[in-house]
Amino acid sequence: MTEHFTGHNKARLEASPNRFFLACAILALSMALLMSAALAGTTAFRKEWQFASDARV
């Protein structure tokens, strides 16, 4: 019975880095998505600002 539990714990420990890698990958992808959305937003805002300043002149 003890061998069963040690095997289970060993398998659980071996599966742990895969979950950690998956969590890191999801975190990195979500950060990249947020950064690209922020960059697109600031670019659109700059173009609007440029058009507004051109219209005033």
Protein backbone atom coordinates (compact mmCIF):
# COMPACT_ATOMS: atom_id res chain seq x y z
CA MET A 1 0.00 0.00 0.00
CA THR A 2 2.86 2.36 0.79
CA GLU A 3 4.32 1.85 -2.70
CA HIS A 4 1.05 3.01 -4.17
CA PHE A 5 1.18 6.30 -2.28
CA THR A 6 4.86 6.95 -3.02
CA GLY A 7 4.21 6.28 -6.70
CA HIS A 8 1.27 8.64 -6.62
CA ASN A 9 3.29 11.40 -4.97
CA LYS A 10 6.14 10.87 -7.41
CA ALA A 11 3.75 11.15 -10.37
CA ARG A 12 2.20 14.26 -8.85
CA LEU A 13 5.60 15.88 -8.40
CA GLU A 14 6.59 15.04 -11.96
CA ALA A 15 3.37 16.59 -13.28
CA SER A 16 3.93 19.78 -11.31
CA PRO A 17 6.45 21.49 -13.66
CA ASN A 18 4.05 20.98 -16.57
CA ARG A 19 1.35 22.91 -14.73
CA PHE A 20 3.88 25.57 -13.78
CA PHE A 21 4.99 25.89 -17.39
CA LEU A 22 1.37 26.11 -18.53
CA ALA A 23 0.64 28.81 -15.97
CA CYS A 24 3.70 30.80 -17.05
CA ALA A 25 2.76 30.47 -20.71
CA ILE A 26 -0.80 31.67 -20.03
CA LEU A 27 0.53 34.57 -17.99
CA ALA A 28 2.99 35.58 -20.71
CA LEU A 29 0.34 35.36 -23.43
CA SER A 30 -2.14 37.43 -21.45
CA MET A 31 0.53 40.05 -20.75
CA ALA A 32 1.39 40.18 -24.45
CA LEU A 33 -2.28 40.59 -25.31
CA LEU A 34 -2.68 43.43 -22.83
CA MET A 35 0.47 45.15 -24.06
CA SER A 36 -0.60 44.91 -27.70
CA ALA A 37 -4.05 46.28 -26.82
CA ALA A 38 -2.46 49.18 -24.95
CA LEU A 39 -0.11 49.88 -27.85
CA ALA A 40 -2.99 49.84 -30.35
CA GLY A 41 -4.99 52.14 -28.08
CA THR A 42 -2.19 54.67 -27.70
CA THR A 43 -1.52 54.60 -31.44
CA ALA A 44 -5.18 55.29 -32.20
CA PHE A 45 -5.23 58.05 -29.59
CA ARG A 46 -2.13 59.68 -31.10
CA LYS A 47 -3.70 59.65 -34.57
CA GLU A 48 -6.89 61.22 -33.22
CA TRP A 49 -4.80 63.86 -31.44
CA GLN A 50 -2.88 64.55 -34.65
CA PHE A 51 -6.08 64.90 -36.70
CA ALA A 52 -7.56 67.24 -34.08
CA SER A 53 -4.45 69.44 -34.06
CA ASP A 54 -4.38 69.48 -37.90
CA ALA A 55 -8.01 70.55 -37.98
CA ARG A 56 -7.32 73.45 -35.62
CA VAL A 57 -4.50 74.85 -37.77
